[in-house]
Amino acid sequence: MDAEQSRRRYDSLRRTTQAMETRAEIARAARRLFDSRGWADTTVREVAREAGVSVPTVYAAYGNKVGLTRAVAESADLAADAPQMVAELEAAAADPARQLTAMAAYDRRLFERAGDVILMIREGGRSEPDLATTYSDGRTRGDETRIQVFSSWPSGTLRTGLDLRTAVDVYAAICNIDVYTTLTTERGWTPDRIEEWWGQALARELLSGTR
């Protein structure tokens, strides 16, 4: 490979890297504005200004505000580290209480690192059907994880009279963004305390012999 070919290859790599960083900075700017101003009151023009790019650059990167919001949501999912939860679930395959603790720990990470994004998507979903679907899909994925884990347990693990669907509902009632927000902002609980309580409460409410 001659020097000119080498230079062109690295120029291409440099442009790709710069484009990725531009997209990331746009998403970070959007998250800051969504958090401070609310989803409905944030415009694409304001996001562009905050990110230091042109409005067409934002549209080229994400299509529109809904597409940009989806990207912010995806980054939130990554922040919670789902692979860590899967590894912890596998390591505790014979211990339902520890598996509940692993799922509660994942939700704590998600709400701690990206609770603002979840609330923003829920807010945006009131006027944008696509965002309402994004929020609903996230809830459904959470339910599917719980169904998969709970259904792997031996018969008799769940409390007497508690069917699989109701167990998933009970989990959702205890471990959710609104409970997390109330306890941290109104009651002064730390995330560590919430995670510990969630683990204990879930085991008490879902597992036989733990009341």
N, C-alpha and C. Protein backbone atom coordinates (compact mmCIF):
# COMPACT_ATOMS: atom_id res chain seq x y z
N MET A 1 0.84 -1.19 0.00
CA MET A 1 0.00 0.00 0.00
C MET A 1 0.88 1.24 0.00
N ASP A 2 0.66 2.16 -0.97
CA ASP A 2 1.50 3.35 -1.01
C ASP A 2 1.00 4.37 0.02
N ALA A 3 1.76 5.45 0.18
CA ALA A 3 1.44 6.44 1.20
C ALA A 3 0.10 7.11 0.95
N GLU A 4 -0.24 7.33 -0.32
CA GLU A 4 -1.50 7.99 -0.65
C GLU A 4 -2.70 7.12 -0.27
N GLN A 5 -2.62 5.81 -0.56
CA GLN A 5 -3.70 4.91 -0.19
C GLN A 5 -3.87 4.84 1.33
N SER A 6 -2.73 4.80 2.02
CA SER A 6 -2.77 4.76 3.47
C SER A 6 -3.43 6.02 4.04
N ARG A 7 -3.08 7.17 3.47
CA ARG A 7 -3.66 8.43 3.94
C ARG A 7 -5.16 8.45 3.72
N ARG A 8 -5.61 7.96 2.54
CA ARG A 8 -7.05 7.96 2.24
C ARG A 8 -7.81 7.05 3.20
N ARG A 9 -7.20 5.90 3.52
CA ARG A 9 -7.87 4.98 4.43
C ARG A 9 -8.04 5.62 5.80
N TYR A 10 -7.01 6.26 6.31
CA TYR A 10 -7.10 6.87 7.63
C TYR A 10 -7.98 8.11 7.61
N ASP A 11 -8.03 8.81 6.46
CA ASP A 11 -8.96 9.93 6.33
C ASP A 11 -10.39 9.45 6.46
N SER A 12 -10.69 8.31 5.83
CA SER A 12 -12.03 7.74 5.92
C SER A 12 -12.36 7.33 7.35
N LEU A 13 -11.41 6.68 8.02
CA LEU A 13 -11.61 6.28 9.40
C LEU A 13 -11.82 7.50 10.29
N ARG A 14 -11.06 8.56 10.01
CA ARG A 14 -11.18 9.78 10.80
C ARG A 14 -12.57 10.40 10.63
N ARG A 15 -13.06 10.41 9.39
CA ARG A 15 -14.39 10.98 9.13
C ARG A 15 -15.47 10.15 9.83
N THR A 16 -15.33 8.83 9.79
CA THR A 16 -16.31 7.97 10.46
C THR A 16 -16.31 8.21 11.96
N THR A 17 -15.12 8.33 12.54
CA THR A 17 -15.01 8.57 13.98
C THR A 17 -15.61 9.93 14.34
N GLN A 18 -15.34 10.93 13.52
CA GLN A 18 -15.88 12.26 13.78
C GLN A 18 -17.41 12.27 13.68
N ALA A 19 -17.94 11.52 12.71
CA ALA A 19 -19.40 11.43 12.55
C ALA A 19 -20.03 10.76 13.77
N MET A 20 -19.38 9.71 14.27
CA MET A 20 -19.90 9.03 15.46
C MET A 20 -19.89 9.95 16.67
N GLU A 21 -18.83 10.72 16.81
CA GLU A 21 -18.74 11.64 17.94
C GLU A 21 -19.78 12.76 17.81
N THR A 22 -20.01 13.21 16.58
CA THR A 22 -21.04 14.23 16.37
C THR A 22 -22.41 13.70 16.77
N ARG A 23 -22.73 12.46 16.37
CA ARG A 23 -24.01 11.86 16.76
C ARG A 23 -24.12 11.74 18.28
N ALA A 24 -23.02 11.32 18.91
CA ALA A 24 -23.03 11.16 20.36
C ALA A 24 -23.23 12.51 21.05
N GLU A 25 -22.59 13.55 20.53
CA GLU A 25 -22.72 14.87 21.14
C GLU A 25 -24.13 15.42 20.96
N ILE A 26 -24.74 15.16 19.81
CA ILE A 26 -26.13 15.57 19.60
C ILE A 26 -27.04 14.88 20.61
N ALA A 27 -26.84 13.58 20.81
CA ALA A 27 -27.66 12.83 21.77
C ALA A 27 -27.45 13.34 23.19
N ARG A 28 -26.21 13.65 23.54
CA ARG A 28 -25.94 14.19 24.88
C ARG A 28 -26.61 15.55 25.07
N ALA A 29 -26.55 16.38 24.03
CA ALA A 29 -27.18 17.70 24.09
C ALA A 29 -28.69 17.56 24.24
N ALA A 30 -29.26 16.63 23.48
CA ALA A 30 -30.71 16.42 23.57
C ALA A 30 -31.10 15.98 24.97
N ARG A 31 -30.33 15.08 25.53
CA ARG A 31 -30.66 14.60 26.88
C ARG A 31 -30.60 15.74 27.89
N ARG A 32 -29.60 16.59 27.79
CA ARG A 32 -29.51 17.73 28.72
C ARG A 32 -30.73 18.62 28.60
N LEU A 33 -31.15 18.91 27.38
CA LEU A 33 -32.28 19.81 27.18
C LEU A 33 -33.60 19.14 27.57
N PHE A 34 -33.76 17.88 27.20
CA PHE A 34 -34.97 17.18 27.60
C PHE A 34 -35.11 17.19 29.12
N ASP A 35 -33.99 17.02 29.80
CA ASP A 35 -33.99 16.95 31.26
C ASP A 35 -34.31 18.30 31.87
N SER A 36 -33.76 19.38 31.30
CA SER A 36 -33.92 20.71 31.90
C SER A 36 -35.19 21.42 31.44
N ARG A 37 -35.62 21.18 30.21
CA ARG A 37 -36.76 21.91 29.66
C ARG A 37 -38.01 21.05 29.49
N GLY A 38 -37.84 19.74 29.45
CA GLY A 38 -38.95 18.85 29.14
C GLY A 38 -38.96 18.53 27.66
N TRP A 39 -39.50 17.36 27.33
CA TRP A 39 -39.47 16.92 25.94
C TRP A 39 -40.27 17.85 25.03
N ALA A 40 -41.48 18.20 25.44
CA ALA A 40 -42.37 18.97 24.58
C ALA A 40 -41.82 20.36 24.27
N ASP A 41 -41.08 20.95 25.22
CA ASP A 41 -40.60 22.32 25.05
C ASP A 41 -39.22 22.41 24.43
N THR A 42 -38.66 21.29 24.03
CA THR A 42 -37.34 21.27 23.38
C THR A 42 -37.52 21.12 21.88
N THR A 43 -36.85 21.98 21.11
CA THR A 43 -36.93 21.91 19.66
C THR A 43 -35.63 21.36 19.07
N VAL A 44 -35.72 20.89 17.85
CA VAL A 44 -34.53 20.41 17.15
C VAL A 44 -33.52 21.54 16.99
N ARG A 45 -34.01 22.74 16.73
CA ARG A 45 -33.10 23.90 16.59
C ARG A 45 -32.31 24.12 17.87
N GLU A 46 -32.97 23.99 19.03
CA GLU A 46 -32.28 24.18 20.31
C GLU A 46 -31.26 23.07 20.55
N VAL A 47 -31.60 21.85 20.16
CA VAL A 47 -30.65 20.75 20.29
C VAL A 47 -29.41 21.02 19.44
N ALA A 48 -29.64 21.48 18.22
CA ALA A 48 -28.52 21.79 17.32
C ALA A 48 -27.62 22.87 17.94
N ARG A 49 -28.24 23.90 18.48
CA ARG A 49 -27.46 24.97 19.10
C ARG A 49 -26.67 24.46 20.29
N GLU A 50 -27.30 23.65 21.12
CA GLU A 50 -26.63 23.10 22.30
C GLU A 50 -25.46 22.21 21.91
N ALA A 51 -25.61 21.46 20.81
CA ALA A 51 -24.56 20.54 20.36
C ALA A 51 -23.50 21.23 19.52
N GLY A 52 -23.76 22.46 19.10
CA GLY A 52 -22.80 23.18 18.27
C GLY A 52 -22.76 22.70 16.84
N VAL A 53 -23.92 22.26 16.32
CA VAL A 53 -24.00 21.80 14.94
C VAL A 53 -25.18 22.48 14.26
N SER A 54 -25.31 22.25 12.96
CA SER A 54 -26.42 22.83 12.23
C SER A 54 -27.69 22.00 12.40
N VAL A 55 -28.83 22.62 12.17
CA VAL A 55 -30.10 21.89 12.22
C VAL A 55 -30.13 20.74 11.21
N PRO A 56 -29.69 20.96 9.95
CA PRO A 56 -29.67 19.83 9.01
C PRO A 56 -28.81 18.65 9.48
N THR A 57 -27.76 18.95 10.24
CA THR A 57 -26.92 17.87 10.77
C THR A 57 -27.70 16.99 11.74
N VAL A 58 -28.53 17.62 12.57
CA VAL A 58 -29.35 16.84 13.50
C VAL A 58 -30.33 15.96 12.73
N TYR A 59 -30.99 16.54 11.72
CA TYR A 59 -31.94 15.75 10.94
C TYR A 59 -31.24 14.63 10.17
N ALA A 60 -30.04 14.91 9.66
CA ALA A 60 -29.31 13.88 8.93
C ALA A 60 -28.91 12.73 9.86
N ALA A 61 -28.61 13.05 11.11
CA ALA A 61 -28.16 12.04 12.05
C ALA A 61 -29.31 11.20 12.60
N TYR A 62 -30.46 11.82 12.85
CA TYR A 62 -31.52 11.13 13.58
C TYR A 62 -32.90 11.20 12.94
N GLY A 63 -33.05 11.94 11.87
CA GLY A 63 -34.34 12.00 11.19
C GLY A 63 -35.26 13.07 11.73
N ASN A 64 -35.59 13.02 13.01
CA ASN A 64 -36.45 14.01 13.64
C ASN A 64 -36.31 13.88 15.16
N LYS A 65 -37.13 14.62 15.90
CA LYS A 65 -36.99 14.61 17.36
C LYS A 65 -37.35 13.25 17.94
N VAL A 66 -38.30 12.56 17.33
CA VAL A 66 -38.65 11.24 17.81
C VAL A 66 -37.48 10.27 17.62
N GLY A 67 -36.85 10.32 16.46
CA GLY A 67 -35.69 9.47 16.22
C GLY A 67 -34.56 9.78 17.18
N LEU A 68 -34.37 11.05 17.47
CA LEU A 68 -33.35 11.46 18.43
C LEU A 68 -33.69 10.93 19.82
N THR A 69 -34.96 10.97 20.17
CA THR A 69 -35.38 10.48 21.48
C THR A 69 -35.14 8.98 21.60
N ARG A 70 -35.40 8.25 20.52
CA ARG A 70 -35.14 6.81 20.54
C ARG A 70 -33.66 6.53 20.79
N ALA A 71 -32.79 7.34 20.16
CA ALA A 71 -31.35 7.15 20.36
C ALA A 71 -30.96 7.39 21.82
N VAL A 72 -31.56 8.40 22.43
CA VAL A 72 -31.30 8.68 23.84
C VAL A 72 -31.78 7.50 24.69
N ALA A 73 -32.92 6.92 24.32
CA ALA A 73 -33.45 5.77 25.06
C ALA A 73 -32.52 4.57 24.94
N GLU A 74 -31.99 4.33 23.76
CA GLU A 74 -31.08 3.21 23.55
C GLU A 74 -29.82 3.36 24.39
N SER A 75 -29.32 4.59 24.48
CA SER A 75 -28.13 4.82 25.30
C SER A 75 -28.44 4.57 26.78
N ALA A 76 -29.68 4.85 27.18
CA ALA A 76 -30.08 4.59 28.57
C ALA A 76 -30.06 3.10 28.86
N ASP A 77 -30.57 2.30 27.93
CA ASP A 77 -30.56 0.85 28.11
C ASP A 77 -29.14 0.33 28.26
N LEU A 78 -28.22 0.86 27.45
CA LEU A 78 -26.83 0.43 27.52
C LEU A 78 -26.22 0.80 28.86
N ALA A 79 -26.60 1.94 29.40
CA ALA A 79 -26.03 2.41 30.66
C ALA A 79 -26.35 1.47 31.82
N ALA A 80 -27.49 0.79 31.73
CA ALA A 80 -27.90 -0.09 32.84
C ALA A 80 -27.15 -1.41 32.85
N ASP A 81 -26.44 -1.74 31.75
CA ASP A 81 -25.59 -2.94 31.69
C ASP A 81 -26.40 -4.23 31.83
N ALA A 82 -27.24 -4.50 30.82
CA ALA A 82 -28.02 -5.74 30.81
C ALA A 82 -27.14 -6.99 30.84
N PRO A 83 -25.98 -7.01 30.14
CA PRO A 83 -25.13 -8.21 30.22
C PRO A 83 -24.72 -8.56 31.66
N GLN A 84 -24.52 -7.56 32.50
CA GLN A 84 -24.19 -7.84 33.90
C GLN A 84 -25.35 -8.56 34.58
N MET A 85 -26.59 -8.10 34.30
CA MET A 85 -27.74 -8.77 34.90
C MET A 85 -27.84 -10.22 34.43
N VAL A 86 -27.64 -10.45 33.14
CA VAL A 86 -27.73 -11.82 32.61
C VAL A 86 -26.70 -12.71 33.28
N ALA A 87 -25.48 -12.21 33.44
CA ALA A 87 -24.43 -13.00 34.09
C ALA A 87 -24.81 -13.32 35.54
N GLU A 88 -25.39 -12.35 36.23
CA GLU A 88 -25.78 -12.57 37.61
C GLU A 88 -26.95 -13.55 37.71
N LEU A 89 -27.88 -13.48 36.75
CA LEU A 89 -29.00 -14.42 36.74
C LEU A 89 -28.50 -15.85 36.51
N GLU A 90 -27.56 -16.00 35.59
CA GLU A 90 -27.01 -17.33 35.31
C GLU A 90 -26.25 -17.88 36.51
N ALA A 91 -25.50 -17.01 37.19
CA ALA A 91 -24.71 -17.45 38.34
C ALA A 91 -25.60 -17.87 39.51
N ALA A 92 -26.83 -17.32 39.54
CA ALA A 92 -27.75 -17.62 40.65
C ALA A 92 -28.92 -18.47 40.18
N ALA A 93 -28.69 -19.32 39.18
CA ALA A 93 -29.78 -20.10 38.57
C ALA A 93 -30.52 -20.96 39.58
N ALA A 94 -29.85 -21.40 40.63
CA ALA A 94 -30.48 -22.28 41.62
C ALA A 94 -31.00 -21.52 42.84
N ASP A 95 -30.97 -20.18 42.78
CA ASP A 95 -31.32 -19.37 43.94
C ASP A 95 -32.27 -18.25 43.52
N PRO A 96 -33.59 -18.46 43.53
CA PRO A 96 -34.55 -17.44 43.09
C PRO A 96 -34.42 -16.10 43.82
N ALA A 97 -34.10 -16.13 45.10
CA ALA A 97 -33.96 -14.88 45.84
C ALA A 97 -32.81 -14.05 45.29
N ARG A 98 -31.70 -14.71 44.96
CA ARG A 98 -30.57 -13.99 44.38
C ARG A 98 -30.91 -13.48 42.98
N GLN A 99 -31.70 -14.22 42.24
CA GLN A 99 -32.11 -13.76 40.92
C GLN A 99 -32.98 -12.51 41.02
N LEU A 100 -33.87 -12.49 42.00
CA LEU A 100 -34.66 -11.28 42.21
C LEU A 100 -33.77 -10.10 42.57
N THR A 101 -32.75 -10.36 43.37
CA THR A 101 -31.80 -9.31 43.72
C THR A 101 -31.08 -8.79 42.49
N ALA A 102 -30.71 -9.68 41.58
CA ALA A 102 -30.02 -9.28 40.35
C ALA A 102 -30.92 -8.41 39.48
N MET A 103 -32.19 -8.77 39.38
CA MET A 103 -33.11 -7.97 38.57
C MET A 103 -33.37 -6.61 39.21
N ALA A 104 -33.49 -6.59 40.53
CA ALA A 104 -33.67 -5.32 41.23
C ALA A 104 -32.45 -4.42 41.06
N ALA A 105 -31.26 -5.02 41.07
CA ALA A 105 -30.03 -4.25 40.89
C ALA A 105 -29.98 -3.63 39.50
N TYR A 106 -30.43 -4.38 38.49
CA TYR A 106 -30.48 -3.84 37.13
C TYR A 106 -31.43 -2.65 37.08
N ASP A 107 -32.62 -2.80 37.67
CA ASP A 107 -33.58 -1.70 37.64
C ASP A 107 -33.05 -0.48 38.39
N ARG A 108 -32.36 -0.72 39.49
CA ARG A 108 -31.74 0.41 40.22
C ARG A 108 -30.76 1.14 39.31
N ARG A 109 -29.90 0.39 38.60
CA ARG A 109 -28.94 1.03 37.69
C ARG A 109 -29.66 1.81 36.60
N LEU A 110 -30.69 1.20 36.05
CA LEU A 110 -31.44 1.86 34.97
C LEU A 110 -32.07 3.16 35.45
N PHE A 111 -32.72 3.13 36.59
CA PHE A 111 -33.40 4.33 37.08
C PHE A 111 -32.40 5.38 37.57
N GLU A 112 -31.31 4.92 38.17
CA GLU A 112 -30.30 5.85 38.68
C GLU A 112 -29.59 6.57 37.54
N ARG A 113 -29.28 5.85 36.48
CA ARG A 113 -28.49 6.42 35.39
C ARG A 113 -29.35 7.02 34.29
N ALA A 114 -30.60 6.56 34.18
CA ALA A 114 -31.41 6.99 33.05
C ALA A 114 -32.88 7.20 33.39
N GLY A 115 -33.19 7.43 34.66
CA GLY A 115 -34.57 7.67 35.03
C GLY A 115 -35.15 8.88 34.33
N ASP A 116 -34.32 9.90 34.13
CA ASP A 116 -34.79 11.10 33.44
C ASP A 116 -35.22 10.78 32.02
N VAL A 117 -34.52 9.86 31.37
CA VAL A 117 -34.87 9.49 30.00
C VAL A 117 -36.20 8.74 29.97
N ILE A 118 -36.40 7.83 30.91
CA ILE A 118 -37.65 7.08 30.97
C ILE A 118 -38.83 8.01 31.17
N LEU A 119 -38.70 8.95 32.10
CA LEU A 119 -39.78 9.90 32.36
C LEU A 119 -40.01 10.80 31.15
N MET A 120 -38.94 11.18 30.46
CA MET A 120 -39.06 12.01 29.27
C MET A 120 -39.81 11.29 28.16
N ILE A 121 -39.49 10.01 27.96
CA ILE A 121 -40.17 9.24 26.92
C ILE A 121 -41.66 9.08 27.26
N ARG A 122 -41.94 8.85 28.53
CA ARG A 122 -43.34 8.74 28.94
C ARG A 122 -44.08 10.05 28.71
N GLU A 123 -43.42 11.18 29.01
CA GLU A 123 -44.01 12.49 28.77
C GLU A 123 -44.26 12.71 27.28
N GLY A 124 -43.24 12.42 26.48
CA GLY A 124 -43.37 12.62 25.04
C GLY A 124 -44.43 11.74 24.42
N GLY A 125 -44.63 10.55 25.03
CA GLY A 125 -45.61 9.63 24.50
C GLY A 125 -47.04 10.12 24.61
N ARG A 126 -47.27 11.14 25.41
CA ARG A 126 -48.62 11.69 25.53
C ARG A 126 -49.06 12.39 24.25
N SER A 127 -48.08 12.85 23.47
CA SER A 127 -48.42 13.54 22.22
C SER A 127 -47.86 12.86 20.98
N GLU A 128 -46.89 11.95 21.16
CA GLU A 128 -46.26 11.27 20.03
C GLU A 128 -46.50 9.76 20.14
N PRO A 129 -47.33 9.20 19.28
CA PRO A 129 -47.61 7.77 19.35
C PRO A 129 -46.36 6.90 19.26
N ASP A 130 -45.37 7.32 18.48
CA ASP A 130 -44.15 6.52 18.35
C ASP A 130 -43.42 6.42 19.69
N LEU A 131 -43.43 7.50 20.46
CA LEU A 131 -42.77 7.46 21.76
C LEU A 131 -43.60 6.66 22.76
N ALA A 132 -44.92 6.74 22.64
CA ALA A 132 -45.76 5.90 23.50
C ALA A 132 -45.44 4.43 23.24
N THR A 133 -45.21 4.08 21.98
CA THR A 133 -44.85 2.70 21.64
C THR A 133 -43.48 2.35 22.19
N THR A 134 -42.53 3.28 22.11
CA THR A 134 -41.19 3.05 22.65
C THR A 134 -41.27 2.77 24.15
N TYR A 135 -42.07 3.56 24.86
CA TYR A 135 -42.22 3.36 26.31
C TYR A 135 -42.88 2.01 26.59
N SER A 136 -43.94 1.71 25.87
CA SER A 136 -44.64 0.44 26.06
C SER A 136 -43.74 -0.75 25.76
N ASP A 137 -42.94 -0.64 24.69
CA ASP A 137 -42.04 -1.73 24.33
C ASP A 137 -41.02 -1.98 25.44
N GLY A 138 -40.54 -0.91 26.06
CA GLY A 138 -39.59 -1.08 27.16
C GLY A 138 -40.21 -1.81 28.33
N ARG A 139 -41.45 -1.47 28.65
CA ARG A 139 -42.14 -2.17 29.72
C ARG A 139 -42.36 -3.65 29.38
N THR A 140 -42.69 -3.89 28.12
CA THR A 140 -42.93 -5.26 27.69
C THR A 140 -41.66 -6.09 27.78
N ARG A 141 -40.52 -5.51 27.38
CA ARG A 141 -39.25 -6.23 27.47
C ARG A 141 -38.94 -6.60 28.92
N GLY A 142 -39.22 -5.68 29.84
CA GLY A 142 -39.01 -5.98 31.25
C GLY A 142 -39.88 -7.13 31.72
N ASP A 143 -41.15 -7.11 31.31
CA ASP A 143 -42.06 -8.20 31.68
C ASP A 143 -41.59 -9.53 31.11
N GLU A 144 -41.10 -9.50 29.86
CA GLU A 144 -40.66 -10.74 29.23
C GLU A 144 -39.46 -11.34 29.96
N THR A 145 -38.57 -10.49 30.45
CA THR A 145 -37.43 -10.98 31.24
C THR A 145 -37.92 -11.66 32.51
N ARG A 146 -38.87 -11.04 33.18
CA ARG A 146 -39.38 -11.61 34.44
C ARG A 146 -40.12 -12.92 34.18
N ILE A 147 -40.90 -12.97 33.10
CA ILE A 147 -41.59 -14.21 32.77
C ILE A 147 -40.59 -15.33 32.52
N GLN A 148 -39.54 -15.02 31.78
CA GLN A 148 -38.53 -16.03 31.48
C GLN A 148 -37.87 -16.55 32.75
N VAL A 149 -37.53 -15.63 33.66
CA VAL A 149 -36.88 -16.04 34.91
C VAL A 149 -37.84 -16.80 35.81
N PHE A 150 -39.02 -16.24 36.04
CA PHE A 150 -39.97 -16.86 36.96
C PHE A 150 -40.40 -18.25 36.47
N SER A 151 -40.57 -18.39 35.16
CA SER A 151 -41.03 -19.68 34.63
C SER A 151 -39.93 -20.74 34.67
N SER A 152 -38.69 -20.32 34.91
CA SER A 152 -37.59 -21.30 35.02
C SER A 152 -37.51 -21.91 36.42
N TRP A 153 -38.24 -21.35 37.37
CA TRP A 153 -38.17 -21.84 38.75
C TRP A 153 -38.96 -23.13 38.91
N PRO A 154 -38.53 -24.00 39.82
CA PRO A 154 -39.28 -25.24 40.08
C PRO A 154 -40.69 -24.94 40.60
N SER A 155 -41.59 -25.86 40.37
CA SER A 155 -42.95 -25.73 40.88
C SER A 155 -42.91 -25.56 42.40
N GLY A 156 -43.71 -24.65 42.90
CA GLY A 156 -43.76 -24.40 44.34
C GLY A 156 -42.86 -23.27 44.79
N THR A 157 -42.06 -22.68 43.87
CA THR A 157 -41.19 -21.57 44.25
C THR A 157 -42.00 -20.31 44.54
N LEU A 158 -42.96 -20.01 43.68
CA LEU A 158 -43.82 -18.86 43.91
C LEU A 158 -44.77 -19.14 45.08
N ARG A 159 -45.16 -18.10 45.77
CA ARG A 159 -46.10 -18.23 46.87
C ARG A 159 -47.37 -18.97 46.42
N THR A 160 -47.97 -19.69 47.33
CA THR A 160 -49.20 -20.43 47.04
C THR A 160 -50.28 -19.47 46.56
N GLY A 161 -50.91 -19.81 45.43
CA GLY A 161 -51.97 -19.00 44.87
C GLY A 161 -51.51 -17.89 43.95
N LEU A 162 -50.19 -17.76 43.77
CA LEU A 162 -49.65 -16.69 42.93
C LEU A 162 -49.27 -17.27 41.56
N ASP A 163 -50.01 -16.88 40.53
CA ASP A 163 -49.69 -17.37 39.19
C ASP A 163 -48.61 -16.50 38.56
N LEU A 164 -48.08 -16.94 37.42
CA LEU A 164 -46.95 -16.27 36.78
C LEU A 164 -47.28 -14.83 36.42
N ARG A 165 -48.44 -14.61 35.81
CA ARG A 165 -48.81 -13.26 35.37
C ARG A 165 -48.94 -12.31 36.56
N THR A 166 -49.54 -12.79 37.63
CA THR A 166 -49.70 -11.95 38.81
C THR A 166 -48.35 -11.66 39.45
N ALA A 167 -47.44 -12.63 39.43
CA ALA A 167 -46.10 -12.41 39.97
C ALA A 167 -45.39 -11.30 39.22
N VAL A 168 -45.55 -11.28 37.91
CA VAL A 168 -44.95 -10.22 37.10
C VAL A 168 -45.57 -8.86 37.45
N ASP A 169 -46.88 -8.85 37.67
CA ASP A 169 -47.56 -7.61 38.04
C ASP A 169 -47.08 -7.10 39.40
N VAL A 170 -46.91 -8.02 40.35
CA VAL A 170 -46.44 -7.63 41.68
C VAL A 170 -45.04 -7.04 41.60
N TYR A 171 -44.17 -7.68 40.80
CA TYR A 171 -42.83 -7.14 40.60
C TYR A 171 -42.91 -5.70 40.09
N ALA A 172 -43.74 -5.50 39.05
CA ALA A 172 -43.86 -4.18 38.44
C ALA A 172 -44.42 -3.14 39.41
N ALA A 173 -45.27 -3.57 40.32
CA ALA A 173 -45.84 -2.65 41.29
C ALA A 173 -44.82 -2.19 42.32
N ILE A 174 -43.88 -3.06 42.65
CA ILE A 174 -42.87 -2.74 43.66
C ILE A 174 -41.68 -2.01 43.06
N CYS A 175 -41.23 -2.50 41.93
CA CYS A 175 -39.94 -2.06 41.36
C CYS A 175 -40.20 -1.27 40.09
N ASN A 176 -40.39 0.04 40.21
CA ASN A 176 -40.69 0.87 39.05
C ASN A 176 -40.14 2.28 39.23
N ILE A 177 -40.14 3.05 38.16
CA ILE A 177 -39.52 4.37 38.17
C ILE A 177 -40.23 5.32 39.14
N ASP A 178 -41.54 5.18 39.31
CA ASP A 178 -42.26 6.10 40.19
C ASP A 178 -41.92 5.84 41.65
N VAL A 179 -41.83 4.57 42.04
CA VAL A 179 -41.41 4.24 43.41
C VAL A 179 -40.00 4.75 43.64
N TYR A 180 -39.10 4.50 42.67
CA TYR A 180 -37.71 4.95 42.81
C TYR A 180 -37.64 6.47 42.98
N THR A 181 -38.38 7.19 42.14
CA THR A 181 -38.35 8.66 42.19
C THR A 181 -38.92 9.18 43.49
N THR A 182 -40.02 8.61 43.95
CA THR A 182 -40.62 9.05 45.20
C THR A 182 -39.66 8.85 46.37
N LEU A 183 -39.04 7.70 46.43
CA LEU A 183 -38.16 7.40 47.56
C LEU A 183 -36.89 8.24 47.55
N THR A 184 -36.34 8.52 46.35
CA THR A 184 -35.10 9.30 46.30
C THR A 184 -35.36 10.79 46.46
N THR A 185 -36.40 11.32 45.82
CA THR A 185 -36.60 12.78 45.82
C THR A 185 -37.46 13.28 46.98
N GLU A 186 -38.41 12.46 47.42
CA GLU A 186 -39.31 12.92 48.49
C GLU A 186 -38.96 12.34 49.85
N ARG A 187 -38.37 11.15 49.87
CA ARG A 187 -38.14 10.47 51.14
C ARG A 187 -36.67 10.38 51.53
N GLY A 188 -35.80 10.80 50.63
CA GLY A 188 -34.38 10.87 50.97
C GLY A 188 -33.65 9.54 51.01
N TRP A 189 -34.24 8.50 50.39
CA TRP A 189 -33.56 7.21 50.36
C TRP A 189 -32.40 7.25 49.37
N THR A 190 -31.35 6.49 49.68
CA THR A 190 -30.25 6.33 48.74
C THR A 190 -30.59 5.19 47.76
N PRO A 191 -29.98 5.20 46.58
CA PRO A 191 -30.18 4.07 45.66
C PRO A 191 -29.81 2.73 46.29
N ASP A 192 -28.75 2.70 47.10
CA ASP A 192 -28.36 1.45 47.77
C ASP A 192 -29.49 0.94 48.67
N ARG A 193 -30.10 1.84 49.41
CA ARG A 193 -31.17 1.44 50.32
C ARG A 193 -32.37 0.92 49.53
N ILE A 194 -32.69 1.59 48.42
CA ILE A 194 -33.82 1.14 47.60
C ILE A 194 -33.55 -0.25 47.03
N GLU A 195 -32.36 -0.45 46.52
CA GLU A 195 -32.02 -1.75 45.94
C GLU A 195 -32.13 -2.85 46.99
N GLU A 196 -31.64 -2.60 48.21
CA GLU A 196 -31.72 -3.59 49.27
C GLU A 196 -33.17 -3.89 49.62
N TRP A 197 -33.98 -2.84 49.77
CA TRP A 197 -35.39 -3.03 50.11
C TRP A 197 -36.14 -3.77 49.00
N TRP A 198 -35.86 -3.40 47.75
CA TRP A 198 -36.50 -4.10 46.64
C TRP A 198 -36.23 -5.60 46.70
N GLY A 199 -34.97 -5.97 46.91
CA GLY A 199 -34.63 -7.38 46.97
C GLY A 199 -35.39 -8.10 48.06
N GLN A 200 -35.48 -7.47 49.23
CA GLN A 200 -36.19 -8.09 50.36
C GLN A 200 -37.69 -8.15 50.10
N ALA A 201 -38.25 -7.05 49.58
CA ALA A 201 -39.70 -6.98 49.36
C ALA A 201 -40.13 -7.95 48.27
N LEU A 202 -39.35 -8.06 47.22
CA LEU A 202 -39.70 -8.98 46.13
C LEU A 202 -39.68 -10.42 46.61
N ALA A 203 -38.64 -10.78 47.37
CA ALA A 203 -38.58 -12.15 47.90
C ALA A 203 -39.75 -12.42 48.83
N ARG A 204 -40.09 -11.45 49.67
CA ARG A 204 -41.18 -11.63 50.63
C ARG A 204 -42.52 -11.79 49.92
N GLU A 205 -42.73 -11.03 48.87
CA GLU A 205 -44.03 -11.03 48.20
C GLU A 205 -44.17 -12.15 47.15
N LEU A 206 -43.06 -12.61 46.62
CA LEU A 206 -43.14 -13.57 45.51
C LEU A 206 -42.78 -15.01 45.87
N LEU A 207 -41.92 -15.22 46.83
CA LEU A 207 -41.40 -16.55 47.07
C LEU A 207 -42.07 -17.23 48.25
N SER A 208 -42.32 -18.51 48.12
CA SER A 208 -42.92 -19.27 49.21
C SER A 208 -41.93 -19.41 50.37
N GLY A 209 -42.44 -19.40 51.58
CA GLY A 209 -41.59 -19.61 52.76
C GLY A 209 -40.72 -18.44 53.14
N THR A 210 -41.02 -17.22 52.65
CA THR A 210 -40.16 -16.07 52.97
C THR A 210 -40.93 -14.95 53.67
N ARG A 211 -42.15 -15.18 54.07
CA ARG A 211 -42.91 -14.12 54.74
C ARG A 211 -42.58 -14.04 56.22
